[in-house]
């Protein structure tokens, strides 16, 4: 888990169109990360 003042590690994920996007491509911009850890899972 990250602390409030800690930077997120570099990662890459596919966007809604399947294009790979990296966190570093947003350097200098505000970024909101939103996820559902248990979405579409039986737990």
PDB file of N, CA and C in Angstrom:
ATOM      1  N   UNK A   1       0.847  -1.178   0.000  1.00  0.00           N
ATOM      2  CA  UNK A   1       0.000   0.000   0.000  1.00  0.00           C
ATOM      3  C   UNK A   1       0.889   1.237   0.000  1.00  0.00           C
ATOM      4  N   UNK A   2       0.484   2.244  -0.737  1.00  0.00           N
ATOM      5  CA  UNK A   2       1.239   3.491  -0.806  1.00  0.00           C
ATOM      6  C   UNK A   2       0.805   4.441   0.297  1.00  0.00           C
ATOM      7  N   UNK A   3       1.751   5.215   0.777  1.00  0.00           N
ATOM      8  CA  UNK A   3       1.439   6.288   1.724  1.00  0.00           C
ATOM      9  C   UNK A   3       0.897   7.484   0.939  1.00  0.00           C
ATOM     10  N   UNK A   4       0.259   8.415   1.621  1.00  0.00           N
ATOM     11  CA  UNK A   4      -0.357   9.565   0.967  1.00  0.00           C
ATOM     12  C   UNK A   4       0.644  10.407   0.178  1.00  0.00           C
ATOM     13  N   UNK A   5       1.888  10.472   0.606  1.00  0.00           N
ATOM     14  CA  UNK A   5       2.873  11.313  -0.086  1.00  0.00           C
ATOM     15  C   UNK A   5       3.806  10.516  -0.990  1.00  0.00           C
ATOM     16  N   UNK A   6       3.500   9.261  -1.227  1.00  0.00           N
ATOM     17  CA  UNK A   6       4.373   8.386  -2.013  1.00  0.00           C
ATOM     18  C   UNK A   6       3.927   8.358  -3.474  1.00  0.00           C
ATOM     19  N   UNK A   7       4.902   8.356  -4.396  1.00  0.00           N
ATOM     20  CA  UNK A   7       4.592   8.286  -5.814  1.00  0.00           C
ATOM     21  C   UNK A   7       4.185   6.870  -6.211  1.00  0.00           C
ATOM     22  N   UNK A   8       3.268   6.773  -7.155  1.00  0.00           N
ATOM     23  CA  UNK A   8       2.851   5.467  -7.665  1.00  0.00           C
ATOM     24  C   UNK A   8       3.968   4.881  -8.518  1.00  0.00           C
ATOM     25  N   UNK A   9       4.141   3.563  -8.491  1.00  0.00           N
ATOM     26  CA  UNK A   9       5.160   2.940  -9.334  1.00  0.00           C
ATOM     27  C   UNK A   9       4.740   2.996 -10.809  1.00  0.00           C
ATOM     28  N   UNK A  10       5.697   2.926 -11.692  1.00  0.00           N
ATOM     29  CA  UNK A  10       5.415   2.921 -13.134  1.00  0.00           C
ATOM     30  C   UNK A  10       4.646   1.653 -13.491  1.00  0.00           C
ATOM     31  N   UNK A  11       3.632   1.799 -14.355  1.00  0.00           N
ATOM     32  CA  UNK A  11       2.894   0.643 -14.844  1.00  0.00           C
ATOM     33  C   UNK A  11       2.284   0.970 -16.198  1.00  0.00           C
ATOM     34  N   UNK A  12       1.864  -0.063 -16.907  1.00  0.00           N
ATOM     35  CA  UNK A  12       1.185   0.075 -18.191  1.00  0.00           C
ATOM     36  C   UNK A  12      -0.094  -0.745 -18.146  1.00  0.00           C
ATOM     37  N   UNK A  13      -1.159  -0.199 -18.740  1.00  0.00           N
ATOM     38  CA  UNK A  13      -2.449  -0.879 -18.813  1.00  0.00           C
ATOM     39  C   UNK A  13      -3.104  -0.571 -20.156  1.00  0.00           C
ATOM     40  N   UNK A  14      -3.981  -1.436 -20.635  1.00  0.00           N
ATOM     41  CA  UNK A  14      -4.721  -1.124 -21.859  1.00  0.00           C
ATOM     42  C   UNK A  14      -5.849  -0.132 -21.558  1.00  0.00           C
ATOM     43  N   UNK A  15      -6.062   0.808 -22.475  1.00  0.00           N
ATOM     44  CA  UNK A  15      -7.185   1.735 -22.321  1.00  0.00           C
ATOM     45  C   UNK A  15      -8.444   1.099 -22.910  1.00  0.00           C
ATOM     46  N   UNK A  16      -9.518   1.868 -22.988  1.00  0.00           N
ATOM     47  CA  UNK A  16     -10.796   1.348 -23.462  1.00  0.00           C
ATOM     48  C   UNK A  16     -10.759   0.902 -24.918  1.00  0.00           C
ATOM     49  N   UNK A  17      -9.727   1.319 -25.661  1.00  0.00           N
ATOM     50  CA  UNK A  17      -9.582   0.931 -27.063  1.00  0.00           C
ATOM     51  C   UNK A  17      -8.524  -0.148 -27.266  1.00  0.00           C
ATOM     52  N   UNK A  18      -7.960  -0.655 -26.169  1.00  0.00           N
ATOM     53  CA  UNK A  18      -6.948  -1.690 -26.256  1.00  0.00           C
ATOM     54  C   UNK A  18      -5.534  -1.173 -26.445  1.00  0.00           C
ATOM     55  N   UNK A  19      -5.361   0.161 -26.507  1.00  0.00           N
ATOM     56  CA  UNK A  19      -4.035   0.757 -26.664  1.00  0.00           C
ATOM     57  C   UNK A  19      -3.332   0.792 -25.302  1.00  0.00           C
ATOM     58  N   UNK A  20      -2.057   0.402 -25.271  1.00  0.00           N
ATOM     59  CA  UNK A  20      -1.304   0.407 -24.019  1.00  0.00           C
ATOM     60  C   UNK A  20      -0.941   1.836 -23.621  1.00  0.00           C
ATOM     61  N   UNK A  21      -1.244   2.186 -22.387  1.00  0.00           N
ATOM     62  CA  UNK A  21      -0.966   3.513 -21.847  1.00  0.00           C
ATOM     63  C   UNK A  21      -0.119   3.334 -20.593  1.00  0.00           C
ATOM     64  N   UNK A  22       0.934   4.142 -20.454  1.00  0.00           N
ATOM     65  CA  UNK A  22       1.787   4.065 -19.275  1.00  0.00           C
ATOM     66  C   UNK A  22       1.541   5.265 -18.368  1.00  0.00           C
ATOM     67  N   UNK A  23       1.778   5.056 -17.094  1.00  0.00           N
ATOM     68  CA  UNK A  23       1.622   6.156 -16.139  1.00  0.00           C
ATOM     69  C   UNK A  23       2.570   7.299 -16.479  1.00  0.00           C
ATOM     70  N   UNK A  24       3.782   6.982 -16.913  1.00  0.00           N
ATOM     71  CA  UNK A  24       4.764   8.029 -17.211  1.00  0.00           C
ATOM     72  C   UNK A  24       4.334   8.920 -18.380  1.00  0.00           C
ATOM     73  N   UNK A  25       3.412   8.458 -19.219  1.00  0.00           N
ATOM     74  CA  UNK A  25       2.943   9.297 -20.332  1.00  0.00           C
ATOM     75  C   UNK A  25       2.106  10.474 -19.836  1.00  0.00           C
ATOM     76  N   UNK A  26       1.719  10.454 -18.574  1.00  0.00           N
ATOM     77  CA  UNK A  26       0.946  11.546 -17.974  1.00  0.00           C
ATOM     78  C   UNK A  26       1.780  12.402 -17.034  1.00  0.00           C
ATOM     79  N   UNK A  27       3.098  12.262 -17.089  1.00  0.00           N
ATOM     80  CA  UNK A  27       3.987  13.019 -16.198  1.00  0.00           C
ATOM     81  C   UNK A  27       3.704  14.520 -16.316  1.00  0.00           C
ATOM     82  N   UNK A  28       3.564  15.177 -15.173  1.00  0.00           N
ATOM     83  CA  UNK A  28       3.281  16.613 -15.143  1.00  0.00           C
ATOM     84  C   UNK A  28       1.798  16.942 -15.191  1.00  0.00           C
ATOM     85  N   UNK A  29       0.942  15.911 -15.279  1.00  0.00           N
ATOM     86  CA  UNK A  29      -0.503  16.123 -15.327  1.00  0.00           C
ATOM     87  C   UNK A  29      -1.147  15.447 -14.120  1.00  0.00           C
ATOM     88  N   UNK A  30      -2.329  15.894 -13.769  1.00  0.00           N
ATOM     89  CA  UNK A  30      -3.092  15.240 -12.709  1.00  0.00           C
ATOM     90  C   UNK A  30      -3.671  13.955 -13.265  1.00  0.00           C
ATOM     91  N   UNK A  31      -3.611  12.885 -12.480  1.00  0.00           N
ATOM     92  CA  UNK A  31      -4.137  11.587 -12.897  1.00  0.00           C
ATOM     93  C   UNK A  31      -4.982  11.010 -11.769  1.00  0.00           C
ATOM     94  N   UNK A  32      -6.151  10.520 -12.113  1.00  0.00           N
ATOM     95  CA  UNK A  32      -7.018   9.852 -11.150  1.00  0.00           C
ATOM     96  C   UNK A  32      -7.046   8.373 -11.501  1.00  0.00           C
ATOM     97  N   UNK A  33      -6.678   7.534 -10.555  1.00  0.00           N
ATOM     98  CA  UNK A  33      -6.725   6.090 -10.753  1.00  0.00           C
ATOM     99  C   UNK A  33      -7.946   5.556 -10.035  1.00  0.00           C
ATOM    100  N   UNK A  34      -8.771   4.796 -10.757  1.00  0.00           N
ATOM    101  CA  UNK A  34     -10.004   4.273 -10.183  1.00  0.00           C
ATOM    102  C   UNK A  34     -10.127   2.818 -10.593  1.00  0.00           C
ATOM    103  N   UNK A  35     -10.343   1.968  -9.628  1.00  0.00           N
ATOM    104  CA  UNK A  35     -10.506   0.552  -9.949  1.00  0.00           C
ATOM    105  C   UNK A  35     -11.432  -0.096  -8.942  1.00  0.00           C
ATOM    106  N   UNK A  36     -11.936  -1.215  -9.331  1.00  0.00           N
ATOM    107  CA  UNK A  36     -12.811  -2.013  -8.484  1.00  0.00           C
ATOM    108  C   UNK A  36     -12.105  -3.343  -8.235  1.00  0.00           C
ATOM    109  N   UNK A  37     -11.474  -3.527  -7.091  1.00  0.00           N
ATOM    110  CA  UNK A  37     -10.687  -4.717  -6.845  1.00  0.00           C
ATOM    111  C   UNK A  37     -11.463  -6.024  -6.898  1.00  0.00           C
ATOM    112  N   UNK A  38     -12.753  -6.000  -6.633  1.00  0.00           N
ATOM    113  CA  UNK A  38     -13.524  -7.240  -6.646  1.00  0.00           C
ATOM    114  C   UNK A  38     -14.573  -7.275  -7.768  1.00  0.00           C
ATOM    115  N   UNK A  39     -14.440  -6.402  -8.759  1.00  0.00           N
ATOM    116  CA  UNK A  39     -15.401  -6.380  -9.861  1.00  0.00           C
ATOM    117  C   UNK A  39     -15.295  -7.675 -10.665  1.00  0.00           C
ATOM    118  N   UNK A  40     -16.423  -8.240 -10.981  1.00  0.00           N
ATOM    119  CA  UNK A  40     -16.513  -9.464 -11.790  1.00  0.00           C
ATOM    120  C   UNK A  40     -15.780 -10.648 -11.170  1.00  0.00           C
ATOM    121  N   UNK A  41     -15.750 -10.712  -9.846  1.00  0.00           N
ATOM    122  CA  UNK A  41     -15.152 -11.854  -9.172  1.00  0.00           C
ATOM    123  C   UNK A  41     -16.179 -12.443  -8.205  1.00  0.00           C
ATOM    124  N   UNK A  42     -16.064 -13.716  -7.892  1.00  0.00           N
ATOM    125  CA  UNK A  42     -17.019 -14.312  -6.983  1.00  0.00           C
ATOM    126  C   UNK A  42     -16.860 -13.880  -5.525  1.00  0.00           C
ATOM    127  N   UNK A  43     -15.722 -13.228  -5.178  1.00  0.00           N
ATOM    128  CA  UNK A  43     -15.471 -12.841  -3.787  1.00  0.00           C
ATOM    129  C   UNK A  43     -16.089 -11.568  -3.468  1.00  0.00           C
TER     130      UNK A  43
END
